[in-house]
Amino acid sequence: MRRAWIAFVPAVLVIGLAWSQNEQLAVTTEEQLAMHRNLGKAFYENPTTQQLAVSEFQKALALAPD
């Protein structure tokens, strides 16, 4: 009985890890757009990271040019 648990626990961990990575990949375009906009706004507020802000805004523009 104890050996069955030893094999079961790693299997559950591997399945859980694979499932969580698939969930992370299922990000919609709207969520990506919001993320790039929010990062751009945050980077723009700091003078030392304004170049990063431009990069994030360009990524947002590439996702939704309208």
C-alpha atoms as a PDB file:
ATOM      1  CA  MET A   1       0.000   0.000   0.000  1.00  0.00           C
ATOM      2  CA  ARG A   2       2.765   2.421   0.849  1.00  0.00           C
ATOM      3  CA  ARG A   3       4.488   1.875  -2.512  1.00  0.00           C
ATOM      4  CA  ALA A   4       1.314   2.797  -4.332  1.00  0.00           C
ATOM      5  CA  TRP A   5       1.354   6.234  -2.685  1.00  0.00           C
ATOM      6  CA  ILE A   6       4.997   6.743  -3.588  1.00  0.00           C
ATOM      7  CA  ALA A   7       4.134   6.322  -7.267  1.00  0.00           C
ATOM      8  CA  PHE A   8       0.845   8.208  -7.032  1.00  0.00           C
ATOM      9  CA  VAL A   9       2.120  11.473  -5.540  1.00  0.00           C
ATOM     10  CA  PRO A  10       4.717  12.273  -8.271  1.00  0.00           C
ATOM     11  CA  ALA A  11       2.165  11.415 -10.950  1.00  0.00           C
ATOM     12  CA  VAL A  12      -0.333  13.867  -9.480  1.00  0.00           C
ATOM     13  CA  LEU A  13       2.352  16.555  -9.271  1.00  0.00           C
ATOM     14  CA  VAL A  14       3.330  16.091 -12.921  1.00  0.00           C
ATOM     15  CA  ILE A  15      -0.290  16.195 -14.065  1.00  0.00           C
ATOM     16  CA  GLY A  16      -0.949  19.284 -11.939  1.00  0.00           C
ATOM     17  CA  LEU A  17       2.102  21.055 -13.309  1.00  0.00           C
ATOM     18  CA  ALA A  18       1.150  20.290 -16.906  1.00  0.00           C
ATOM     19  CA  TRP A  19      -2.414  21.473 -16.320  1.00  0.00           C
ATOM     20  CA  SER A  20      -1.307  24.729 -14.690  1.00  0.00           C
ATOM     21  CA  GLN A  21       1.019  25.519 -17.585  1.00  0.00           C
ATOM     22  CA  ASN A  22      -1.803  24.939 -20.066  1.00  0.00           C
ATOM     23  CA  GLU A  23      -4.000  27.295 -18.065  1.00  0.00           C
ATOM     24  CA  GLN A  24      -1.314  29.971 -18.201  1.00  0.00           C
ATOM     25  CA  LEU A  25      -1.064  29.628 -21.974  1.00  0.00           C
ATOM     26  CA  ALA A  26      -4.796  30.195 -22.389  1.00  0.00           C
ATOM     27  CA  VAL A  27      -4.505  33.965 -22.000  1.00  0.00           C
ATOM     28  CA  THR A  28      -6.830  35.934 -24.232  1.00  0.00           C
ATOM     29  CA  THR A  29      -5.721  38.788 -26.451  1.00  0.00           C
ATOM     30  CA  GLU A  30      -7.709  41.195 -24.285  1.00  0.00           C
ATOM     31  CA  GLU A  31      -5.808  40.055 -21.193  1.00  0.00           C
ATOM     32  CA  GLN A  32      -2.482  40.454 -22.989  1.00  0.00           C
ATOM     33  CA  LEU A  33      -3.501  43.901 -24.169  1.00  0.00           C
ATOM     34  CA  ALA A  34      -4.455  44.965 -20.646  1.00  0.00           C
ATOM     35  CA  MET A  35      -1.179  43.596 -19.286  1.00  0.00           C
ATOM     36  CA  HIS A  36       0.917  45.554 -21.815  1.00  0.00           C
ATOM     37  CA  ARG A  37      -1.060  48.741 -21.190  1.00  0.00           C
ATOM     38  CA  ASN A  38      -0.726  48.431 -17.420  1.00  0.00           C
ATOM     39  CA  LEU A  39       2.993  47.708 -17.612  1.00  0.00           C
ATOM     40  CA  GLY A  40       3.442  50.616 -19.990  1.00  0.00           C
ATOM     41  CA  LYS A  41       1.680  52.984 -17.591  1.00  0.00           C
ATOM     42  CA  ALA A  42       3.756  51.736 -14.659  1.00  0.00           C
ATOM     43  CA  PHE A  43       7.040  52.031 -16.550  1.00  0.00           C
ATOM     44  CA  TYR A  44       6.143  55.498 -17.849  1.00  0.00           C
ATOM     45  CA  GLU A  45       5.844  56.902 -14.324  1.00  0.00           C
ATOM     46  CA  ASN A  46       9.537  56.234 -13.612  1.00  0.00           C
ATOM     47  CA  PRO A  47      11.950  58.322 -15.739  1.00  0.00           C
ATOM     48  CA  THR A  48      14.541  55.535 -15.749  1.00  0.00           C
ATOM     49  CA  THR A  49      12.138  52.984 -17.241  1.00  0.00           C
ATOM     50  CA  GLN A  50      10.421  55.068 -19.897  1.00  0.00           C
ATOM     51  CA  GLN A  51      12.108  53.099 -22.685  1.00  0.00           C
ATOM     52  CA  LEU A  52      10.460  49.965 -21.284  1.00  0.00           C
ATOM     53  CA  ALA A  53       7.158  51.836 -21.343  1.00  0.00           C
ATOM     54  CA  VAL A  54       7.578  52.532 -25.048  1.00  0.00           C
ATOM     55  CA  SER A  55       8.295  48.854 -25.640  1.00  0.00           C
ATOM     56  CA  GLU A  56       5.170  47.769 -23.752  1.00  0.00           C
ATOM     57  CA  PHE A  57       2.998  50.303 -25.571  1.00  0.00           C
ATOM     58  CA  GLN A  58       4.370  49.046 -28.907  1.00  0.00           C
ATOM     59  CA  LYS A  59       3.436  45.481 -27.940  1.00  0.00           C
ATOM     60  CA  ALA A  60      -0.083  46.665 -27.064  1.00  0.00           C
ATOM     61  CA  LEU A  61      -0.331  48.503 -30.371  1.00  0.00           C
ATOM     62  CA  ALA A  62       0.787  45.393 -32.259  1.00  0.00           C
ATOM     63  CA  LEU A  63      -1.990  43.381 -30.588  1.00  0.00           C
ATOM     64  CA  ALA A  64      -4.721  45.917 -31.262  1.00  0.00           C
ATOM     65  CA  PRO A  65      -3.799  48.556 -33.839  1.00  0.00           C
ATOM     66  CA  ASP A  66      -7.266  50.088 -33.671  1.00  0.00           C
END
